[in-house]
């Protein structure tokens, strides 16, 4: 009985439904853990653990595939080791490594999800959710990029017109990233340093281009799948 349950979990992890599972975990991380972290109810190590949990589930779905998937597994392992070291011996270099490995892992997972979303075959709801999960991971990547900029260049951002330290900005990077990605831009956080501004411009371009290109590709795949089905019936 336990083995059959494990088998069902594994089939869920390696199929299209895994994209729905990954998206659901990302939503829990984004909309429950992160706000609690900003309120001081959840400590930073637990936030890191929450993101690692999302990545660990994704590893089950992609570990047996391409060399890109193996790179993703290595990035997740490196991130896990970095988080352990951060708890034992906190330091600025380890924080930079944590942000860098998080960026790399999110980027690789987003690429793997996009590959699975855009492969030939039936365009089902799980693929649309995989595409949305990739969009969310894009925001996570840029948030880690802003964090790296803030560590290298203190005062790279302003909050309500006042210079913001790294510690002030740390709980706000994801919020700023997604307001930039969606070109919402409330104006409460402003990039001051040229590196921060360039990253913000790049993210806003990605936020505009990604949905347009993705929708066009998914529609074309749907048309191709329908044409193949008609040929099989005729």
Protein backbone atom coordinates (compact mmCIF):
# COMPACT_ATOMS: atom_id res chain seq x y z
CA UNK A 1 0.00 0.00 0.00
CA UNK A 2 2.69 2.58 0.88
CA UNK A 3 4.54 1.65 -2.33
CA UNK A 4 1.43 2.23 -4.45
CA UNK A 5 0.99 5.65 -2.86
CA UNK A 6 4.60 6.51 -3.61
CA UNK A 7 4.07 5.37 -7.19
CA UNK A 8 1.05 7.67 -7.54
CA UNK A 9 3.03 10.59 -6.12
CA UNK A 10 5.87 9.88 -8.54
CA UNK A 11 3.49 9.72 -11.54
CA UNK A 12 2.04 13.05 -10.45
CA UNK A 13 5.54 14.55 -10.20
CA UNK A 14 6.68 13.50 -13.68
CA UNK A 15 3.49 14.25 -15.65
CA UNK A 16 1.83 17.45 -16.83
CA UNK A 17 -0.01 17.64 -13.49
CA UNK A 18 3.34 18.40 -11.84
CA UNK A 19 3.17 21.89 -13.36
CA UNK A 20 -0.08 22.49 -11.49
CA UNK A 21 1.54 21.22 -8.30
CA UNK A 22 4.59 23.48 -8.73
CA UNK A 23 2.35 26.49 -9.41
CA UNK A 24 0.29 25.76 -6.29
CA UNK A 25 3.41 25.56 -4.12
CA UNK A 26 4.72 28.80 -5.65
CA UNK A 27 1.44 30.51 -4.80
CA UNK A 28 1.68 29.32 -1.19
CA UNK A 29 5.25 30.60 -1.01
CA UNK A 30 4.41 33.95 -2.62
CA UNK A 31 1.12 34.81 -0.95
CA UNK A 32 1.40 33.16 2.48
CA UNK A 33 5.04 32.73 3.49
CA UNK A 34 6.46 35.94 2.00
CA UNK A 35 3.88 38.32 3.61
CA UNK A 36 4.38 36.59 6.94
CA UNK A 37 8.12 37.08 6.54
CA UNK A 38 7.62 40.80 5.91
CA UNK A 39 5.48 41.01 9.05
CA UNK A 40 8.22 39.28 11.04
CA UNK A 41 6.10 36.19 11.74
CA UNK A 42 8.37 33.88 9.72
CA UNK A 43 12.15 34.07 9.93
CA UNK A 44 14.34 34.23 6.83
CA UNK A 45 15.64 30.63 7.14
CA UNK A 46 12.05 29.35 6.99
CA UNK A 47 11.38 31.45 3.89
CA UNK A 48 14.45 29.91 2.28
CA UNK A 49 13.21 26.46 3.29
CA UNK A 50 9.85 27.18 1.68
CA UNK A 51 11.48 28.04 -1.64
CA UNK A 52 13.70 24.95 -1.37
CA UNK A 53 10.58 22.82 -0.85
CA UNK A 54 9.16 24.10 -4.15
CA UNK A 55 12.43 23.30 -5.90
CA UNK A 56 12.66 19.86 -4.29
CA UNK A 57 9.21 18.90 -5.64
CA UNK A 58 10.26 20.15 -9.07
CA UNK A 59 13.42 18.00 -8.92
CA UNK A 60 11.21 14.87 -8.82
CA UNK A 61 9.59 15.90 -12.07
CA UNK A 62 12.73 16.67 -14.06
CA UNK A 63 15.60 14.67 -12.56
CA UNK A 64 15.47 11.90 -15.16
CA UNK A 65 15.53 14.17 -18.20
CA UNK A 66 18.06 16.40 -20.01
CA UNK A 67 21.46 17.78 -19.07
CA UNK A 68 19.64 21.05 -18.27
CA UNK A 69 17.67 19.14 -15.64
CA UNK A 70 20.89 17.83 -14.13
CA UNK A 71 22.19 21.40 -13.91
CA UNK A 72 18.96 22.31 -12.13
CA UNK A 73 19.50 19.52 -9.59
CA UNK A 74 23.07 20.73 -8.96
CA UNK A 75 21.82 24.31 -8.46
CA UNK A 76 19.21 23.10 -5.94
CA UNK A 77 21.84 21.10 -4.04
CA UNK A 78 24.19 24.11 -4.00
CA UNK A 79 21.35 26.29 -2.71
CA UNK A 80 20.52 23.78 0.03
CA UNK A 81 24.14 23.64 1.20
CA UNK A 82 24.36 27.45 1.14
CA UNK A 83 21.22 27.75 3.28
CA UNK A 84 22.62 25.31 5.84
CA UNK A 85 25.86 27.30 6.02
CA UNK A 86 23.89 30.54 6.36
CA UNK A 87 22.20 29.20 9.48
CA UNK A 88 25.51 28.00 10.96
CA UNK A 89 27.82 30.88 9.96
CA UNK A 90 25.88 33.89 8.58
CA UNK A 91 27.85 36.22 6.33
CA UNK A 92 27.58 38.62 3.39
CA UNK A 93 29.29 36.27 0.95
CA UNK A 94 26.93 33.44 1.79
CA UNK A 95 23.98 35.80 1.34
CA UNK A 96 25.28 36.66 -2.12
CA UNK A 97 25.72 32.98 -2.91
CA UNK A 98 22.17 32.31 -1.70
CA UNK A 99 20.74 35.00 -4.00
CA UNK A 100 22.86 33.80 -6.95
CA UNK A 101 21.94 30.12 -6.59
CA UNK A 102 18.27 31.06 -6.09
CA UNK A 103 18.39 33.07 -9.32
CA UNK A 104 20.04 30.21 -11.22
CA UNK A 105 17.68 27.55 -9.83
CA UNK A 106 14.58 29.66 -10.60
CA UNK A 107 15.85 30.34 -14.12
CA UNK A 108 16.58 26.67 -14.83
CA UNK A 109 13.22 25.55 -13.42
CA UNK A 110 11.41 28.17 -15.49
CA UNK A 111 13.23 26.98 -18.63
CA UNK A 112 12.35 23.33 -17.90
CA UNK A 113 8.69 24.22 -17.30
CA UNK A 114 8.59 26.20 -20.52
CA UNK A 115 10.10 23.30 -22.46
CA UNK A 116 7.43 20.96 -21.09
CA UNK A 117 4.70 23.53 -21.74
CA UNK A 118 5.69 24.11 -25.37
CA UNK A 119 6.39 20.52 -26.44
CA UNK A 120 4.17 18.93 -29.08
CA UNK A 121 0.93 17.41 -27.86
CA UNK A 122 -2.42 18.35 -26.38
CA UNK A 123 -2.51 21.83 -24.85
CA UNK A 124 -4.24 21.13 -21.55
CA UNK A 125 -4.90 23.28 -18.48
CA UNK A 126 -1.73 22.00 -16.79
CA UNK A 127 0.39 23.46 -19.57
CA UNK A 128 -1.21 26.86 -19.16
CA UNK A 129 -0.48 26.66 -15.45
CA UNK A 130 3.12 25.68 -16.24
CA UNK A 131 3.42 28.78 -18.42
CA UNK A 132 2.07 30.92 -15.56
CA UNK A 133 4.50 29.26 -13.12
CA UNK A 134 7.33 30.24 -15.47
CA UNK A 135 6.10 33.84 -15.41
CA UNK A 136 6.11 33.76 -11.59
CA UNK A 137 9.64 32.32 -11.59
CA UNK A 138 10.70 35.16 -13.87
CA UNK A 139 9.65 37.59 -11.14
CA UNK A 140 11.54 35.54 -8.55
CA UNK A 141 14.68 35.64 -10.71
CA UNK A 142 14.61 39.41 -11.02
CA UNK A 143 13.96 39.77 -7.28
CA UNK A 144 17.19 37.85 -6.64
CA UNK A 145 18.94 40.05 -9.19
CA UNK A 146 17.81 43.19 -7.34
CA UNK A 147 19.02 41.65 -4.11
CA UNK A 148 22.48 41.11 -5.61
CA UNK A 149 22.57 44.72 -6.85
CA UNK A 150 21.59 46.01 -3.40
CA UNK A 151 24.34 43.97 -1.77
CA UNK A 152 27.01 45.16 -4.19
CA UNK A 153 25.78 48.77 -4.40
CA UNK A 154 24.24 49.99 -1.09
CA UNK A 155 21.66 52.71 -1.66
CA UNK A 156 20.76 51.41 -5.13
CA UNK A 157 17.05 51.86 -4.26
CA UNK A 158 14.90 54.49 -2.62
CA UNK A 159 11.68 53.89 -0.68
CA UNK A 160 9.26 56.86 -0.71
CA UNK A 161 12.12 59.13 -1.77
CA UNK A 162 14.49 58.12 1.04
CA UNK A 163 17.63 55.97 0.52
CA UNK A 164 16.94 52.37 1.51
CA UNK A 165 19.46 50.00 3.05
CA UNK A 166 19.75 46.34 2.05
CA UNK A 167 17.95 45.27 5.23
CA UNK A 168 15.07 47.64 4.47
CA UNK A 169 14.75 46.37 0.91
CA UNK A 170 15.18 42.65 1.64
CA UNK A 171 11.48 41.89 2.34
CA UNK A 172 10.41 44.15 -0.54
CA UNK A 173 12.40 42.75 -3.48
CA UNK A 174 9.68 40.33 -4.60
CA UNK A 175 7.00 43.01 -4.34
CA UNK A 176 9.11 45.46 -6.36
CA UNK A 177 9.98 42.77 -8.90
CA UNK A 178 6.37 41.89 -9.65
CA UNK A 179 5.17 45.49 -9.82
CA UNK A 180 7.93 46.02 -12.40
CA UNK A 181 7.29 42.76 -14.28
CA UNK A 182 3.61 43.63 -14.70
CA UNK A 183 4.50 47.31 -15.45
CA UNK A 184 2.21 48.30 -12.55
CA UNK A 185 4.77 50.57 -10.87
CA UNK A 186 3.23 52.25 -7.83
CA UNK A 187 6.28 54.49 -7.50
CA UNK A 188 6.92 53.78 -3.82
CA UNK A 189 10.23 52.05 -4.63
CA UNK A 190 12.61 53.68 -7.10
CA UNK A 191 15.82 52.26 -8.62
CA UNK A 192 18.60 54.83 -8.30
CA UNK A 193 21.78 53.05 -9.34
CA UNK A 194 22.28 52.49 -13.12
CA UNK A 195 22.54 48.71 -12.61
CA UNK A 196 19.22 48.68 -10.75
CA UNK A 197 17.60 50.83 -13.43
CA UNK A 198 18.89 48.63 -16.25
CA UNK A 199 17.57 45.52 -14.50
CA UNK A 200 14.17 47.19 -14.02
CA UNK A 201 13.99 48.11 -17.72
CA UNK A 202 14.94 44.57 -18.72
CA UNK A 203 12.27 43.10 -16.44
CA UNK A 204 9.53 45.40 -17.73
CA UNK A 205 10.42 44.41 -21.32
CA UNK A 206 10.30 40.72 -20.37
CA UNK A 207 6.92 41.25 -18.72
CA UNK A 208 5.49 42.70 -21.94
CA UNK A 209 7.11 40.31 -24.43
CA UNK A 210 6.66 37.01 -22.56
CA UNK A 211 2.82 36.84 -22.60
CA UNK A 212 2.59 37.95 -26.25
CA UNK A 213 5.11 35.40 -27.53
CA UNK A 214 3.78 32.63 -25.29
CA UNK A 215 0.14 33.08 -26.33
CA UNK A 216 1.12 33.03 -30.01
CA UNK A 217 3.13 29.83 -29.52
CA UNK A 218 0.41 28.05 -27.52
CA UNK A 219 -2.23 28.95 -30.13
CA UNK A 220 -0.02 27.60 -32.94
CA UNK A 221 0.59 24.37 -31.00
CA UNK A 222 -3.14 23.99 -30.40
CA UNK A 223 -3.81 24.41 -34.15
CA UNK A 224 -1.11 21.86 -35.01
CA UNK A 225 -2.53 19.37 -32.50
CA UNK A 226 -6.02 19.81 -33.96
CA UNK A 227 -4.73 19.29 -37.51
CA UNK A 228 -2.89 16.11 -36.44
CA UNK A 229 -6.08 14.79 -34.80
CA UNK A 230 -8.07 15.43 -38.00
CA UNK A 231 -5.48 13.55 -40.09
CA UNK A 232 -5.73 10.57 -37.74
CA UNK A 233 -9.53 10.52 -38.01
CA UNK A 234 -9.53 10.79 -41.82
